N, C-alpha and C. Protein backbone atom coordinates (compact mmCIF):
# COMPACT_ATOMS: atom_id res chain seq x y z
N MET A 1 -16.09 13.07 17.51
CA MET A 1 -15.07 12.65 16.54
C MET A 1 -15.64 11.53 15.70
N ALA A 2 -15.54 11.67 14.38
CA ALA A 2 -16.07 10.64 13.50
C ALA A 2 -15.27 10.61 12.20
N ASN A 3 -15.23 9.43 11.59
CA ASN A 3 -14.65 9.35 10.27
C ASN A 3 -15.75 9.55 9.23
N ALA A 4 -15.45 9.34 7.94
CA ALA A 4 -16.43 9.60 6.91
C ALA A 4 -17.70 8.75 7.08
N TYR A 5 -17.52 7.52 7.47
CA TYR A 5 -18.68 6.64 7.67
C TYR A 5 -19.60 7.20 8.77
N GLY A 6 -18.99 7.62 9.89
CA GLY A 6 -19.78 8.20 10.95
C GLY A 6 -20.43 9.49 10.53
N MET A 7 -19.75 10.31 9.75
CA MET A 7 -20.33 11.55 9.26
C MET A 7 -21.55 11.25 8.39
N MET A 8 -21.48 10.22 7.55
CA MET A 8 -22.58 9.86 6.68
C MET A 8 -23.78 9.42 7.51
N GLN A 9 -23.53 8.70 8.59
CA GLN A 9 -24.64 8.30 9.49
C GLN A 9 -25.30 9.52 10.11
N PHE A 10 -24.48 10.51 10.48
CA PHE A 10 -25.01 11.74 11.06
C PHE A 10 -25.87 12.49 10.06
N LEU A 11 -25.40 12.59 8.80
CA LEU A 11 -26.19 13.26 7.77
C LEU A 11 -27.48 12.53 7.47
N ASN A 12 -27.42 11.18 7.47
CA ASN A 12 -28.64 10.41 7.22
C ASN A 12 -29.66 10.63 8.34
N ALA A 13 -29.15 10.73 9.59
CA ALA A 13 -30.03 10.96 10.71
C ALA A 13 -30.73 12.32 10.58
N ILE A 14 -29.98 13.34 10.20
CA ILE A 14 -30.58 14.67 9.99
C ILE A 14 -31.62 14.63 8.87
N SER A 15 -31.28 13.93 7.81
CA SER A 15 -32.20 13.81 6.65
C SER A 15 -33.50 13.16 7.05
N GLU A 16 -33.44 12.10 7.86
CA GLU A 16 -34.66 11.41 8.26
C GLU A 16 -35.52 12.29 9.18
N LEU A 17 -34.88 13.04 10.06
CA LEU A 17 -35.62 13.93 10.94
C LEU A 17 -36.25 15.08 10.12
N GLU A 18 -35.52 15.57 9.12
CA GLU A 18 -36.04 16.63 8.27
C GLU A 18 -37.26 16.19 7.50
N LYS A 19 -37.32 14.89 7.19
CA LYS A 19 -38.47 14.35 6.44
C LYS A 19 -39.62 13.96 7.34
N GLY A 20 -39.53 14.28 8.63
CA GLY A 20 -40.64 14.03 9.54
C GLY A 20 -40.48 12.85 10.47
N GLY A 21 -39.35 12.17 10.41
CA GLY A 21 -39.15 11.04 11.30
C GLY A 21 -39.02 11.49 12.75
N SER A 22 -39.48 10.65 13.67
CA SER A 22 -39.41 11.00 15.10
C SER A 22 -38.05 10.64 15.68
N ALA A 23 -37.32 9.76 14.98
CA ALA A 23 -35.99 9.34 15.45
C ALA A 23 -35.27 8.71 14.26
N PRO A 24 -33.94 8.72 14.29
CA PRO A 24 -33.19 8.07 13.20
C PRO A 24 -33.50 6.58 13.12
N SER A 25 -33.54 6.03 11.91
CA SER A 25 -33.83 4.60 11.76
C SER A 25 -32.71 3.74 12.34
N ILE A 26 -31.50 4.27 12.39
CA ILE A 26 -30.36 3.59 12.99
C ILE A 26 -29.90 4.41 14.19
N SER A 27 -30.02 3.86 15.37
CA SER A 27 -29.61 4.59 16.59
C SER A 27 -28.11 4.78 16.61
N LEU A 28 -27.66 6.00 16.85
CA LEU A 28 -26.25 6.29 16.87
C LEU A 28 -25.63 5.79 18.18
N VAL A 29 -24.49 5.17 18.07
CA VAL A 29 -23.83 4.54 19.21
C VAL A 29 -22.41 5.07 19.35
N TRP A 30 -21.97 5.37 20.56
CA TRP A 30 -20.57 5.72 20.80
C TRP A 30 -19.89 4.54 21.45
N GLN A 31 -19.79 4.51 22.75
CA GLN A 31 -19.25 3.38 23.50
C GLN A 31 -17.95 2.84 22.89
N ARG A 32 -17.05 3.74 22.51
CA ARG A 32 -15.80 3.35 21.88
C ARG A 32 -15.00 2.41 22.79
N GLU A 33 -15.06 2.68 24.10
CA GLU A 33 -14.28 1.87 25.03
C GLU A 33 -14.73 0.41 25.04
N GLN A 34 -15.94 0.15 24.61
CA GLN A 34 -16.44 -1.22 24.62
C GLN A 34 -16.00 -2.01 23.41
N TYR A 35 -15.68 -1.32 22.29
CA TYR A 35 -15.41 -2.01 21.05
C TYR A 35 -13.98 -1.91 20.57
N LEU A 36 -13.31 -0.83 20.86
CA LEU A 36 -11.98 -0.61 20.27
C LEU A 36 -10.89 -0.36 21.29
N ASN A 37 -11.10 -0.73 22.53
CA ASN A 37 -10.07 -0.57 23.53
C ASN A 37 -8.91 -1.54 23.30
N ALA A 38 -7.76 -1.18 23.81
CA ALA A 38 -6.60 -2.08 23.74
C ALA A 38 -6.83 -3.29 24.67
N ARG A 39 -6.11 -4.35 24.40
CA ARG A 39 -6.24 -5.54 25.25
C ARG A 39 -5.45 -5.37 26.54
N SER A 40 -5.70 -6.21 27.49
CA SER A 40 -4.97 -6.17 28.75
C SER A 40 -4.46 -7.59 29.07
N PRO A 41 -3.12 -7.78 29.03
CA PRO A 41 -2.12 -6.77 28.72
C PRO A 41 -2.04 -6.48 27.22
N SER A 42 -1.61 -5.26 26.92
CA SER A 42 -1.47 -4.86 25.53
C SER A 42 -0.25 -5.57 24.92
N ARG A 43 -0.37 -5.91 23.63
CA ARG A 43 0.74 -6.61 22.96
C ARG A 43 0.66 -6.33 21.45
N ILE A 44 1.79 -5.91 20.90
CA ILE A 44 1.86 -5.66 19.46
C ILE A 44 2.23 -6.98 18.78
N THR A 45 1.34 -7.53 17.97
CA THR A 45 1.55 -8.84 17.40
C THR A 45 1.76 -8.79 15.89
N CYS A 46 1.66 -7.61 15.29
CA CYS A 46 1.83 -7.49 13.82
C CYS A 46 2.84 -6.41 13.53
N ILE A 47 3.37 -6.43 12.34
CA ILE A 47 4.27 -5.37 11.89
C ILE A 47 3.44 -4.19 11.37
N HIS A 48 3.77 -3.00 11.83
CA HIS A 48 3.00 -1.82 11.44
C HIS A 48 3.93 -0.78 10.79
N HIS A 49 4.22 -1.01 9.53
CA HIS A 49 5.10 -0.07 8.82
C HIS A 49 4.50 1.32 8.73
N GLU A 50 3.17 1.40 8.79
CA GLU A 50 2.51 2.71 8.64
C GLU A 50 2.83 3.67 9.76
N TYR A 51 3.41 3.18 10.87
CA TYR A 51 3.77 4.05 11.98
C TYR A 51 5.29 4.14 12.17
N GLU A 52 6.05 3.58 11.24
CA GLU A 52 7.50 3.65 11.32
C GLU A 52 8.00 4.86 10.55
N GLN A 53 8.57 5.81 11.24
CA GLN A 53 9.08 7.01 10.59
C GLN A 53 10.39 6.70 9.88
N ILE A 54 10.55 7.24 8.67
CA ILE A 54 11.79 7.04 7.93
C ILE A 54 12.40 8.40 7.66
N PRO A 55 13.72 8.49 7.59
CA PRO A 55 14.38 9.81 7.35
C PRO A 55 13.91 10.35 5.98
N GLN A 56 13.69 11.67 5.99
CA GLN A 56 13.31 12.34 4.75
C GLN A 56 14.54 12.86 4.03
N SER A 57 14.59 12.66 2.73
CA SER A 57 15.71 13.13 1.97
C SER A 57 15.67 14.67 1.86
N PRO A 58 16.80 15.32 1.59
CA PRO A 58 16.85 16.78 1.52
C PRO A 58 15.89 17.40 0.53
N ASP A 59 15.52 16.66 -0.52
CA ASP A 59 14.63 17.20 -1.54
C ASP A 59 13.16 16.88 -1.26
N PHE A 60 12.85 16.49 -0.01
CA PHE A 60 11.49 16.15 0.32
C PHE A 60 10.57 17.35 0.08
N MET A 61 9.36 17.09 -0.38
CA MET A 61 8.44 18.15 -0.78
C MET A 61 8.14 19.13 0.35
N ASP A 62 8.23 20.40 0.05
CA ASP A 62 7.86 21.45 0.99
C ASP A 62 6.38 21.70 0.81
N SER A 63 5.59 21.41 1.85
CA SER A 63 4.13 21.51 1.74
C SER A 63 3.66 22.91 1.44
N ASP A 64 4.49 23.92 1.73
CA ASP A 64 4.10 25.30 1.46
C ASP A 64 4.25 25.66 -0.02
N LYS A 65 4.92 24.83 -0.80
CA LYS A 65 5.19 25.13 -2.20
C LYS A 65 4.46 24.18 -3.15
N LEU A 66 3.43 23.54 -2.63
CA LEU A 66 2.67 22.59 -3.45
C LEU A 66 1.45 23.25 -4.07
N ILE A 67 1.06 22.73 -5.23
CA ILE A 67 -0.12 23.23 -5.91
C ILE A 67 -1.28 22.27 -5.59
N ARG A 68 -2.39 22.83 -5.14
CA ARG A 68 -3.57 22.03 -4.84
C ARG A 68 -4.49 22.05 -6.06
N ALA A 69 -4.87 20.90 -6.51
CA ALA A 69 -5.73 20.78 -7.70
C ALA A 69 -6.55 19.50 -7.55
N ALA A 70 -7.33 19.21 -8.57
CA ALA A 70 -8.14 17.99 -8.55
C ALA A 70 -8.13 17.34 -9.92
N VAL A 71 -8.14 16.03 -9.92
CA VAL A 71 -8.16 15.25 -11.18
C VAL A 71 -9.48 14.48 -11.23
N PHE A 72 -10.16 14.59 -12.38
CA PHE A 72 -11.43 13.91 -12.57
C PHE A 72 -11.23 12.66 -13.45
N PHE A 73 -11.74 11.53 -12.98
CA PHE A 73 -11.63 10.28 -13.73
C PHE A 73 -13.04 9.81 -14.09
N SER A 74 -13.33 9.72 -15.39
CA SER A 74 -14.61 9.16 -15.82
C SER A 74 -14.38 7.69 -16.13
N PRO A 75 -15.42 6.89 -16.18
CA PRO A 75 -15.25 5.44 -16.42
C PRO A 75 -14.48 5.14 -17.70
N LYS A 76 -14.63 5.95 -18.73
CA LYS A 76 -14.00 5.66 -20.01
C LYS A 76 -12.49 5.82 -19.99
N VAL A 77 -11.95 6.52 -18.97
CA VAL A 77 -10.51 6.71 -18.96
C VAL A 77 -9.81 5.79 -17.97
N TYR A 78 -10.60 5.06 -17.15
CA TYR A 78 -9.96 4.19 -16.15
C TYR A 78 -8.95 3.25 -16.80
N LYS A 79 -9.37 2.59 -17.87
CA LYS A 79 -8.52 1.58 -18.49
C LYS A 79 -7.31 2.19 -19.22
N HIS A 80 -7.32 3.52 -19.36
CA HIS A 80 -6.20 4.16 -20.06
C HIS A 80 -5.23 4.88 -19.15
N ILE A 81 -5.42 4.73 -17.83
CA ILE A 81 -4.60 5.46 -16.87
C ILE A 81 -3.12 5.21 -17.08
N ILE A 82 -2.75 3.97 -17.26
CA ILE A 82 -1.33 3.65 -17.41
C ILE A 82 -0.74 4.30 -18.64
N ILE A 83 -1.54 4.40 -19.71
CA ILE A 83 -1.06 5.02 -20.93
C ILE A 83 -0.97 6.54 -20.78
N ILE A 84 -1.99 7.13 -20.14
CA ILE A 84 -2.01 8.57 -19.97
C ILE A 84 -0.93 9.03 -19.00
N TYR A 85 -0.73 8.26 -17.95
CA TYR A 85 0.23 8.67 -16.94
C TYR A 85 1.31 7.59 -16.86
N PRO A 86 2.37 7.71 -17.65
CA PRO A 86 3.40 6.68 -17.69
C PRO A 86 4.14 6.53 -16.36
N ARG A 87 4.80 5.42 -16.22
CA ARG A 87 5.55 5.13 -14.99
C ARG A 87 6.65 6.17 -14.78
N ARG A 88 6.77 6.64 -13.54
CA ARG A 88 7.81 7.59 -13.20
C ARG A 88 8.92 6.87 -12.45
N GLU A 89 10.16 7.28 -12.70
CA GLU A 89 11.28 6.68 -12.02
C GLU A 89 11.46 7.31 -10.67
N VAL A 90 11.85 6.51 -9.68
CA VAL A 90 12.19 7.02 -8.38
C VAL A 90 13.60 6.57 -8.05
N PHE A 91 14.23 7.25 -7.11
CA PHE A 91 15.58 6.85 -6.71
C PHE A 91 15.51 5.48 -6.04
N VAL A 92 16.42 4.60 -6.46
CA VAL A 92 16.39 3.24 -5.97
C VAL A 92 16.64 3.13 -4.47
N ASP A 93 17.30 4.14 -3.90
CA ASP A 93 17.61 4.08 -2.49
C ASP A 93 16.55 4.77 -1.63
N GLU A 94 15.44 5.18 -2.21
CA GLU A 94 14.37 5.83 -1.47
C GLU A 94 13.30 4.81 -1.10
N THR A 95 12.75 4.96 0.12
CA THR A 95 11.63 4.15 0.54
C THR A 95 10.36 4.97 0.43
N VAL A 96 9.41 4.48 -0.33
CA VAL A 96 8.14 5.16 -0.48
C VAL A 96 7.01 4.20 -0.06
N ARG A 97 5.89 4.79 0.39
CA ARG A 97 4.82 3.96 0.90
C ARG A 97 3.49 4.43 0.33
N LEU A 98 2.56 3.49 0.21
CA LEU A 98 1.19 3.79 -0.16
C LEU A 98 0.31 3.17 0.90
N SER A 99 -0.46 3.99 1.63
CA SER A 99 -1.33 3.52 2.68
C SER A 99 -2.79 3.69 2.26
N ILE A 100 -3.58 2.66 2.44
CA ILE A 100 -4.98 2.68 2.09
C ILE A 100 -5.81 2.63 3.36
N LEU A 101 -6.66 3.62 3.59
CA LEU A 101 -7.51 3.59 4.75
C LEU A 101 -8.55 2.47 4.62
N ALA A 102 -8.66 1.64 5.65
CA ALA A 102 -9.59 0.51 5.59
C ALA A 102 -10.58 0.60 6.76
N ASN A 103 -11.87 0.54 6.42
CA ASN A 103 -12.92 0.58 7.42
C ASN A 103 -12.99 -0.78 8.13
N VAL A 104 -13.02 -0.76 9.48
CA VAL A 104 -13.04 -2.03 10.21
C VAL A 104 -14.44 -2.45 10.62
N ARG A 105 -15.45 -1.67 10.27
CA ARG A 105 -16.82 -2.06 10.60
C ARG A 105 -17.18 -3.35 9.84
N GLY A 106 -17.86 -4.22 10.51
CA GLY A 106 -18.30 -5.46 9.86
C GLY A 106 -17.25 -6.57 9.88
N LYS A 107 -16.08 -6.29 10.45
CA LYS A 107 -15.04 -7.32 10.49
C LYS A 107 -15.36 -8.34 11.57
N PRO A 108 -15.23 -9.63 11.30
CA PRO A 108 -15.54 -10.67 12.27
C PRO A 108 -14.71 -10.51 13.55
N GLY A 109 -15.37 -10.71 14.66
CA GLY A 109 -14.68 -10.67 15.95
C GLY A 109 -14.70 -9.33 16.64
N LEU A 110 -14.98 -8.23 15.93
CA LEU A 110 -14.96 -6.91 16.53
C LEU A 110 -16.33 -6.51 17.10
N ASN A 111 -17.39 -7.01 16.47
CA ASN A 111 -18.75 -6.75 16.96
C ASN A 111 -19.08 -5.27 17.07
N ILE A 112 -18.61 -4.48 16.13
CA ILE A 112 -18.93 -3.05 16.14
C ILE A 112 -20.36 -2.88 15.63
N PRO A 113 -21.23 -2.23 16.42
CA PRO A 113 -22.65 -2.10 16.03
C PRO A 113 -22.83 -1.19 14.81
N THR A 114 -23.94 -1.37 14.13
CA THR A 114 -24.20 -0.60 12.91
C THR A 114 -24.20 0.88 13.17
N GLY A 115 -24.69 1.29 14.33
CA GLY A 115 -24.82 2.73 14.60
C GLY A 115 -23.56 3.40 15.13
N TYR A 116 -22.45 2.65 15.29
CA TYR A 116 -21.22 3.27 15.79
C TYR A 116 -20.71 4.31 14.81
N TYR A 117 -20.51 5.53 15.30
CA TYR A 117 -20.12 6.62 14.42
C TYR A 117 -18.73 7.17 14.64
N GLY A 118 -17.97 6.59 15.57
CA GLY A 118 -16.63 7.08 15.84
C GLY A 118 -15.62 6.60 14.82
N ASN A 119 -14.37 7.03 14.99
CA ASN A 119 -13.31 6.57 14.11
C ASN A 119 -13.15 5.06 14.20
N ALA A 120 -13.08 4.42 13.04
CA ALA A 120 -12.93 2.96 13.01
C ALA A 120 -12.23 2.57 11.75
N PHE A 121 -10.95 2.97 11.66
CA PHE A 121 -10.20 2.62 10.45
C PHE A 121 -8.75 2.38 10.78
N VAL A 122 -8.07 1.64 9.92
CA VAL A 122 -6.64 1.37 10.06
C VAL A 122 -6.02 1.54 8.68
N TYR A 123 -4.67 1.37 8.61
CA TYR A 123 -3.94 1.58 7.38
C TYR A 123 -3.23 0.29 6.88
N PRO A 124 -3.91 -0.82 6.79
CA PRO A 124 -3.19 -2.04 6.41
C PRO A 124 -3.11 -2.23 4.91
N ALA A 125 -2.23 -3.15 4.49
CA ALA A 125 -2.31 -3.67 3.14
C ALA A 125 -3.46 -4.66 3.12
N ALA A 126 -4.02 -4.93 1.96
CA ALA A 126 -5.21 -5.78 1.88
C ALA A 126 -4.96 -7.15 2.51
N ALA A 127 -3.78 -7.71 2.33
CA ALA A 127 -3.50 -9.02 2.83
C ALA A 127 -3.38 -9.04 4.37
N GLN A 128 -3.21 -7.87 4.98
CA GLN A 128 -2.99 -7.82 6.42
C GLN A 128 -4.28 -7.64 7.21
N MET A 129 -5.36 -7.25 6.57
CA MET A 129 -6.58 -6.90 7.28
C MET A 129 -7.16 -8.12 8.00
N SER A 130 -7.16 -8.08 9.32
CA SER A 130 -7.72 -9.19 10.11
C SER A 130 -8.04 -8.66 11.48
N GLU A 131 -8.79 -9.43 12.24
CA GLU A 131 -9.15 -9.06 13.60
C GLU A 131 -7.88 -8.86 14.43
N GLU A 132 -6.90 -9.73 14.29
CA GLU A 132 -5.66 -9.63 15.05
C GLU A 132 -4.91 -8.37 14.70
N TYR A 133 -4.87 -8.01 13.42
CA TYR A 133 -4.18 -6.80 12.99
C TYR A 133 -4.81 -5.56 13.62
N ILE A 134 -6.12 -5.51 13.61
CA ILE A 134 -6.84 -4.35 14.16
C ILE A 134 -6.58 -4.22 15.65
N LYS A 135 -6.61 -5.34 16.38
CA LYS A 135 -6.37 -5.29 17.81
C LYS A 135 -4.91 -4.94 18.11
N SER A 136 -4.01 -5.36 17.23
CA SER A 136 -2.60 -5.00 17.38
C SER A 136 -2.41 -3.51 17.24
N VAL A 137 -3.16 -2.87 16.34
CA VAL A 137 -3.08 -1.41 16.18
C VAL A 137 -3.55 -0.72 17.47
N ALA A 138 -4.64 -1.20 18.05
CA ALA A 138 -5.16 -0.61 19.29
C ALA A 138 -4.11 -0.73 20.40
N ASP A 139 -3.45 -1.87 20.49
CA ASP A 139 -2.42 -2.06 21.51
C ASP A 139 -1.22 -1.16 21.26
N LEU A 140 -0.86 -0.99 19.99
CA LEU A 140 0.26 -0.13 19.63
C LEU A 140 0.00 1.29 20.09
N MET A 141 -1.26 1.75 19.97
CA MET A 141 -1.62 3.10 20.37
C MET A 141 -1.34 3.33 21.86
N VAL A 142 -1.53 2.29 22.65
CA VAL A 142 -1.29 2.40 24.10
C VAL A 142 0.21 2.28 24.41
N ILE A 143 0.86 1.28 23.85
CA ILE A 143 2.25 0.99 24.18
C ILE A 143 3.17 2.13 23.72
N LYS A 144 2.93 2.65 22.53
CA LYS A 144 3.79 3.71 21.98
C LYS A 144 3.20 5.10 22.13
N LYS A 145 2.15 5.19 22.95
CA LYS A 145 1.56 6.50 23.29
C LYS A 145 1.06 7.24 22.05
N ARG A 146 0.26 6.56 21.27
CA ARG A 146 -0.41 7.10 20.10
C ARG A 146 0.54 7.81 19.15
N PRO A 147 1.40 7.06 18.49
CA PRO A 147 2.36 7.68 17.54
C PRO A 147 1.64 8.19 16.31
N LYS A 148 2.23 9.18 15.66
CA LYS A 148 1.66 9.72 14.43
C LYS A 148 2.01 8.77 13.29
N TYR A 149 1.10 8.60 12.35
CA TYR A 149 1.38 7.76 11.21
C TYR A 149 2.49 8.37 10.38
N ALA A 150 3.24 7.54 9.68
CA ALA A 150 4.37 8.02 8.89
C ALA A 150 3.93 9.01 7.84
N THR A 151 4.64 10.14 7.72
CA THR A 151 4.32 11.15 6.72
C THR A 151 5.36 11.25 5.63
N GLY A 152 6.62 10.97 5.96
CA GLY A 152 7.67 11.07 4.98
C GLY A 152 7.56 10.00 3.89
N ARG A 153 7.47 10.43 2.63
CA ARG A 153 7.39 9.51 1.49
C ARG A 153 6.23 8.52 1.65
N ASN A 154 5.15 8.98 2.25
CA ASN A 154 3.98 8.13 2.45
C ASN A 154 2.76 8.82 1.87
N PHE A 155 2.07 8.16 0.94
CA PHE A 155 0.86 8.73 0.35
C PHE A 155 -0.33 7.88 0.80
N ILE A 156 -1.35 8.57 1.35
CA ILE A 156 -2.52 7.89 1.90
C ILE A 156 -3.72 8.13 1.00
N VAL A 157 -4.47 7.08 0.73
CA VAL A 157 -5.65 7.19 -0.12
C VAL A 157 -6.87 6.67 0.64
N SER A 158 -7.95 7.44 0.57
CA SER A 158 -9.23 7.00 1.18
C SER A 158 -10.33 7.09 0.12
N ASP A 159 -10.99 5.97 -0.09
CA ASP A 159 -12.10 5.91 -1.07
C ASP A 159 -13.42 6.07 -0.35
N ILE A 160 -14.09 7.21 -0.58
CA ILE A 160 -15.39 7.42 0.08
C ILE A 160 -16.52 7.45 -0.95
N THR A 161 -16.29 6.84 -2.10
CA THR A 161 -17.30 6.85 -3.16
C THR A 161 -18.51 5.95 -2.86
N ARG A 162 -18.36 5.02 -1.92
CA ARG A 162 -19.45 4.07 -1.65
C ARG A 162 -20.19 4.35 -0.37
N LEU A 163 -19.90 5.49 0.26
CA LEU A 163 -20.53 5.79 1.54
C LEU A 163 -21.94 6.36 1.41
N GLY A 164 -22.31 6.84 0.23
CA GLY A 164 -23.66 7.32 0.03
C GLY A 164 -23.84 8.82 0.17
N PHE A 165 -22.75 9.59 0.17
CA PHE A 165 -22.89 11.04 0.24
C PHE A 165 -23.76 11.58 -0.88
N VAL A 166 -23.69 10.91 -2.03
CA VAL A 166 -24.46 11.35 -3.21
C VAL A 166 -25.97 11.25 -2.95
N LYS A 167 -26.38 10.43 -2.00
CA LYS A 167 -27.79 10.22 -1.72
C LYS A 167 -28.31 11.11 -0.60
N ALA A 168 -27.45 11.84 0.07
CA ALA A 168 -27.89 12.69 1.17
C ALA A 168 -28.92 13.69 0.67
N ASP A 169 -30.07 13.77 1.34
CA ASP A 169 -31.17 14.63 0.89
C ASP A 169 -31.81 15.31 2.08
N PHE A 170 -31.71 16.63 2.08
CA PHE A 170 -32.30 17.44 3.16
C PHE A 170 -33.50 18.25 2.65
N GLY A 171 -33.99 17.87 1.47
CA GLY A 171 -35.13 18.58 0.91
C GLY A 171 -34.73 19.78 0.04
N TRP A 172 -33.41 19.92 -0.21
CA TRP A 172 -32.91 21.04 -1.00
C TRP A 172 -32.49 20.60 -2.40
N GLY A 173 -32.64 19.33 -2.71
CA GLY A 173 -32.12 18.81 -3.97
C GLY A 173 -30.75 18.18 -3.75
N HIS A 174 -30.22 17.61 -4.81
CA HIS A 174 -28.91 16.95 -4.68
C HIS A 174 -27.76 17.96 -4.61
N ALA A 175 -26.78 17.64 -3.84
CA ALA A 175 -25.61 18.53 -3.70
C ALA A 175 -24.79 18.51 -4.97
N VAL A 176 -24.18 19.66 -5.29
CA VAL A 176 -23.29 19.75 -6.44
C VAL A 176 -21.99 19.00 -6.18
N TYR A 177 -21.52 19.09 -4.94
CA TYR A 177 -20.28 18.40 -4.56
C TYR A 177 -20.40 17.88 -3.17
N ARG A 178 -19.87 16.67 -2.95
CA ARG A 178 -19.85 16.08 -1.60
C ARG A 178 -18.47 15.53 -1.40
N GLY A 179 -17.78 16.05 -0.41
CA GLY A 179 -16.43 15.55 -0.12
C GLY A 179 -15.61 16.59 0.58
N VAL A 180 -14.31 16.33 0.64
CA VAL A 180 -13.41 17.25 1.37
C VAL A 180 -13.25 18.53 0.56
N ALA A 181 -13.07 19.65 1.28
CA ALA A 181 -12.93 20.95 0.62
C ALA A 181 -11.54 21.14 0.04
N SER A 182 -10.54 20.50 0.63
CA SER A 182 -9.18 20.66 0.15
C SER A 182 -8.42 19.37 0.44
N THR A 183 -7.13 19.43 0.33
CA THR A 183 -6.31 18.25 0.60
C THR A 183 -4.95 18.67 1.16
N THR A 184 -4.18 17.71 1.61
CA THR A 184 -2.86 17.97 2.11
C THR A 184 -1.83 17.25 1.25
N SER A 185 -0.57 17.39 1.60
CA SER A 185 0.48 16.85 0.77
C SER A 185 0.56 15.34 0.75
N ASN A 186 -0.08 14.67 1.72
CA ASN A 186 0.12 13.20 1.79
C ASN A 186 -1.14 12.40 1.88
N ILE A 187 -2.31 13.00 1.57
CA ILE A 187 -3.54 12.23 1.59
C ILE A 187 -4.51 12.75 0.55
N SER A 188 -5.21 11.83 -0.10
CA SER A 188 -6.24 12.21 -1.07
C SER A 188 -7.48 11.34 -0.83
N PHE A 189 -8.64 11.95 -1.09
CA PHE A 189 -9.92 11.26 -0.94
C PHE A 189 -10.60 11.12 -2.29
N CYS A 190 -10.95 9.91 -2.66
CA CYS A 190 -11.68 9.67 -3.92
C CYS A 190 -13.16 9.92 -3.66
N THR A 191 -13.76 10.85 -4.41
CA THR A 191 -15.13 11.28 -4.18
C THR A 191 -15.95 11.23 -5.46
N ASN A 192 -17.24 10.87 -5.34
CA ASN A 192 -18.15 10.88 -6.47
C ASN A 192 -18.28 12.31 -7.00
N PHE A 193 -18.40 12.44 -8.33
CA PHE A 193 -18.51 13.80 -8.89
C PHE A 193 -19.12 13.71 -10.30
N LYS A 194 -19.87 14.73 -10.68
CA LYS A 194 -20.41 14.85 -12.02
C LYS A 194 -19.78 16.10 -12.65
N ASN A 195 -19.09 15.93 -13.78
CA ASN A 195 -18.39 17.07 -14.37
C ASN A 195 -19.35 17.94 -15.18
N GLY A 196 -18.80 18.99 -15.78
CA GLY A 196 -19.63 19.95 -16.52
C GLY A 196 -20.34 19.36 -17.72
N MET A 197 -19.88 18.24 -18.22
CA MET A 197 -20.51 17.59 -19.37
C MET A 197 -21.52 16.55 -18.96
N GLY A 198 -21.77 16.46 -17.63
CA GLY A 198 -22.77 15.51 -17.15
C GLY A 198 -22.25 14.10 -16.95
N GLU A 199 -20.92 13.91 -17.06
CA GLU A 199 -20.33 12.58 -16.86
C GLU A 199 -20.16 12.29 -15.39
N ASP A 200 -20.58 11.12 -14.96
CA ASP A 200 -20.35 10.67 -13.59
C ASP A 200 -18.97 10.04 -13.51
N GLY A 201 -18.27 10.32 -12.43
CA GLY A 201 -16.95 9.74 -12.26
C GLY A 201 -16.45 9.97 -10.86
N VAL A 202 -15.15 10.00 -10.71
CA VAL A 202 -14.51 10.19 -9.42
C VAL A 202 -13.55 11.35 -9.50
N VAL A 203 -13.61 12.25 -8.53
CA VAL A 203 -12.65 13.35 -8.46
C VAL A 203 -11.70 13.11 -7.29
N VAL A 204 -10.41 13.39 -7.53
CA VAL A 204 -9.38 13.15 -6.53
C VAL A 204 -8.61 14.45 -6.28
N PRO A 205 -8.87 15.16 -5.18
CA PRO A 205 -8.05 16.32 -4.83
C PRO A 205 -6.65 15.85 -4.49
N ILE A 206 -5.66 16.59 -4.94
CA ILE A 206 -4.27 16.16 -4.71
C ILE A 206 -3.34 17.36 -4.64
N CYS A 207 -2.28 17.21 -3.84
CA CYS A 207 -1.23 18.24 -3.74
C CYS A 207 0.01 17.71 -4.45
N SER A 208 0.65 18.55 -5.24
CA SER A 208 1.83 18.08 -5.96
C SER A 208 2.71 19.29 -6.29
N PRO A 209 4.03 19.08 -6.40
CA PRO A 209 4.92 20.19 -6.81
C PRO A 209 4.53 20.66 -8.19
N SER A 210 4.75 21.93 -8.47
CA SER A 210 4.39 22.51 -9.75
C SER A 210 5.06 21.80 -10.92
N LEU A 211 6.32 21.35 -10.70
CA LEU A 211 7.03 20.67 -11.77
C LEU A 211 6.36 19.35 -12.13
N ALA A 212 5.79 18.69 -11.13
CA ALA A 212 5.11 17.42 -11.40
C ALA A 212 3.88 17.65 -12.28
N TRP A 213 3.15 18.72 -12.00
CA TRP A 213 1.98 19.04 -12.82
C TRP A 213 2.41 19.42 -14.23
N LYS A 214 3.49 20.16 -14.32
CA LYS A 214 3.99 20.59 -15.64
C LYS A 214 4.41 19.41 -16.50
N ASN A 215 5.00 18.41 -15.89
CA ASN A 215 5.48 17.25 -16.62
C ASN A 215 4.43 16.18 -16.85
N SER A 216 3.27 16.35 -16.22
CA SER A 216 2.22 15.33 -16.31
C SER A 216 1.24 15.64 -17.44
N ASN A 217 0.83 14.60 -18.14
CA ASN A 217 -0.19 14.77 -19.18
C ASN A 217 -1.58 14.98 -18.58
N MET A 218 -1.70 14.81 -17.27
CA MET A 218 -3.00 14.91 -16.63
C MET A 218 -3.22 16.28 -16.01
N SER A 219 -2.27 17.18 -16.15
CA SER A 219 -2.40 18.50 -15.53
C SER A 219 -3.45 19.33 -16.22
């Protein structure tokens, strides 16, 4: 089991062996129990809205009726996003969430080794990311028996543009596309991409109701 960072380490290891290396330059490490176990006694010390389920309204999106597509963003359009895609109104009595996947490697106090390839991410807001928050998540997994993250009215974004997939080389040349093959109704991955005109940018696979695509200038 690995997240995107761990998968990139695996691909780099294969690449180095393919080029004649006798062993990967970074030794792969598991030992999850040593680095990410819950505390004893376990204690939830932070608020974790990302695991709080909220009632879904009757008009909640049916995942079977969504259109899967991808949106390409080149650097020249970044500053025009607000103009291209105007603000949409939502019902004032609805609770919506935006969750950002955050890599916990390199965070002070966790001592996760460079070669660790297992899952090591949480869903905090930027201001919440801390050693205590991460340990609180691990304790929550034990106390609440690994609850599923909130899916109703919750959109999750993961940025994998800086992981180095674009540099993966197995002797076959550069890949045309590196990233997820598809997407689901509540999560999108930002991936490096070069469009047909040779522009470098970011592509975001996304699921959305057909009406949303019809009403959007970005469809």
